[in-house]
Amino acid sequence: MTTESTTQQWVKSSYSDNGGSCVEWAPHTATLTGTVPVRDSKTPDGPALAVTAHAFTAFVTSVKTGDFAPAV
């Protein structure tokens, strides 16, 4: 799925204060379609990934519970 940045309302995590290495998502589109657009905030005109709402929820839950090792 290709997502144009001009038609989306992109949101960064409130935890994204790490020098610009952020992921953004479009919650309104997710609510309407069940598909979550995700992009790199450093390249807003670049490609966006589209994942199912279920997969995105599982990913966020795993991050919150510490299932992933911190980046080095």
C-alpha atoms as a PDB file:
ATOM      1  CA  MET A   1       0.000   0.000   0.000  1.00  0.00           C
ATOM      2  CA  THR A   2       1.343   3.418  -0.868  1.00  0.00           C
ATOM      3  CA  THR A   3       0.383   6.218   1.449  1.00  0.00           C
ATOM      4  CA  GLU A   4       0.766   9.854   0.487  1.00  0.00           C
ATOM      5  CA  SER A   5       1.989  11.966   3.364  1.00  0.00           C
ATOM      6  CA  THR A   6      -0.236  14.875   2.340  1.00  0.00           C
ATOM      7  CA  THR A   7      -3.467  12.930   2.887  1.00  0.00           C
ATOM      8  CA  GLN A   8      -2.557  11.392   6.243  1.00  0.00           C
ATOM      9  CA  GLN A   9      -2.437  12.848   9.715  1.00  0.00           C
ATOM     10  CA  TRP A  10       0.749  11.335  11.078  1.00  0.00           C
ATOM     11  CA  VAL A  11       1.475  10.940  14.799  1.00  0.00           C
ATOM     12  CA  LYS A  12       4.764  10.299  16.610  1.00  0.00           C
ATOM     13  CA  SER A  13       4.929   8.405  19.849  1.00  0.00           C
ATOM     14  CA  SER A  14       5.022  10.599  22.929  1.00  0.00           C
ATOM     15  CA  TYR A  15       8.179   8.636  23.825  1.00  0.00           C
ATOM     16  CA  SER A  16       9.961   9.774  20.645  1.00  0.00           C
ATOM     17  CA  ASP A  17      12.474  12.221  22.012  1.00  0.00           C
ATOM     18  CA  ASN A  18      15.602  10.429  20.877  1.00  0.00           C
ATOM     19  CA  GLY A  19      17.130  12.691  18.268  1.00  0.00           C
ATOM     20  CA  GLY A  20      14.833  12.018  15.337  1.00  0.00           C
ATOM     21  CA  SER A  21      14.839   8.216  15.070  1.00  0.00           C
ATOM     22  CA  CYS A  22      11.070   7.997  15.190  1.00  0.00           C
ATOM     23  CA  VAL A  23       8.318   5.954  13.691  1.00  0.00           C
ATOM     24  CA  GLU A  24       5.045   7.678  12.834  1.00  0.00           C
ATOM     25  CA  TRP A  25       1.650   6.140  12.247  1.00  0.00           C
ATOM     26  CA  ALA A  26      -1.718   7.378  10.963  1.00  0.00           C
ATOM     27  CA  PRO A  27      -4.379   6.519  13.563  1.00  0.00           C
ATOM     28  CA  HIS A  28      -7.328   7.942  11.614  1.00  0.00           C
ATOM     29  CA  THR A  29      -6.594   5.683   8.651  1.00  0.00           C
ATOM     30  CA  ALA A  30      -6.155   2.757  11.020  1.00  0.00           C
ATOM     31  CA  THR A  31      -9.568   3.416  12.545  1.00  0.00           C
ATOM     32  CA  LEU A  32     -11.248   3.689   9.150  1.00  0.00           C
ATOM     33  CA  THR A  33      -9.592   0.762   7.385  1.00  0.00           C
ATOM     34  CA  GLY A  34      -8.082  -1.572   9.981  1.00  0.00           C
ATOM     35  CA  THR A  35      -4.728  -1.073   8.271  1.00  0.00           C
ATOM     36  CA  VAL A  36      -2.042   0.930  10.053  1.00  0.00           C
ATOM     37  CA  PRO A  37       0.249   3.065   7.875  1.00  0.00           C
ATOM     38  CA  VAL A  38       3.734   3.378   9.405  1.00  0.00           C
ATOM     39  CA  ARG A  39       6.658   5.499   8.183  1.00  0.00           C
ATOM     40  CA  ASP A  40      10.088   6.768   9.164  1.00  0.00           C
ATOM     41  CA  SER A  41       9.745  10.331  10.471  1.00  0.00           C
ATOM     42  CA  LYS A  42      13.139  11.269   8.985  1.00  0.00           C
ATOM     43  CA  THR A  43      11.793  10.620   5.470  1.00  0.00           C
ATOM     44  CA  PRO A  44       8.160  11.753   5.481  1.00  0.00           C
ATOM     45  CA  ASP A  45       7.970  11.694   1.679  1.00  0.00           C
ATOM     46  CA  GLY A  46       9.381   8.175   1.552  1.00  0.00           C
ATOM     47  CA  PRO A  47       7.432   4.935   1.515  1.00  0.00           C
ATOM     48  CA  ALA A  48       5.009   3.880   4.205  1.00  0.00           C
ATOM     49  CA  LEU A  49       4.413   0.338   5.347  1.00  0.00           C
ATOM     50  CA  ALA A  50       0.886  -0.922   5.872  1.00  0.00           C
ATOM     51  CA  VAL A  51       0.290  -3.507   8.580  1.00  0.00           C
ATOM     52  CA  THR A  52      -2.885  -4.954  10.009  1.00  0.00           C
ATOM     53  CA  ALA A  53      -4.201  -3.357  13.176  1.00  0.00           C
ATOM     54  CA  HIS A  54      -3.772  -6.716  14.929  1.00  0.00           C
ATOM     55  CA  ALA A  55      -0.077  -6.932  13.961  1.00  0.00           C
ATOM     56  CA  PHE A  56       0.553  -3.316  14.996  1.00  0.00           C
ATOM     57  CA  THR A  57      -1.125  -3.879  18.376  1.00  0.00           C
ATOM     58  CA  ALA A  58       0.960  -7.011  18.957  1.00  0.00           C
ATOM     59  CA  PHE A  59       4.143  -5.101  18.086  1.00  0.00           C
ATOM     60  CA  VAL A  60       3.354  -2.175  20.419  1.00  0.00           C
ATOM     61  CA  THR A  61       2.434  -4.570  23.227  1.00  0.00           C
ATOM     62  CA  SER A  62       5.727  -6.428  22.780  1.00  0.00           C
ATOM     63  CA  VAL A  63       7.702  -3.184  22.914  1.00  0.00           C
ATOM     64  CA  LYS A  64       5.889  -2.065  26.066  1.00  0.00           C
ATOM     65  CA  THR A  65       6.489  -5.373  27.840  1.00  0.00           C
ATOM     66  CA  GLY A  66      10.195  -5.400  26.959  1.00  0.00           C
ATOM     67  CA  ASP A  67      10.175  -8.351  24.561  1.00  0.00           C
ATOM     68  CA  PHE A  68      12.773  -6.609  22.384  1.00  0.00           C
ATOM     69  CA  ALA A  69      16.362  -5.927  23.371  1.00  0.00           C
ATOM     70  CA  PRO A  70      17.360  -2.250  23.350  1.00  0.00           C
ATOM     71  CA  ALA A  71      19.232  -0.999  20.298  1.00  0.00           C
ATOM     72  CA  VAL A  72      22.957  -0.602  20.787  1.00  0.00           C
END
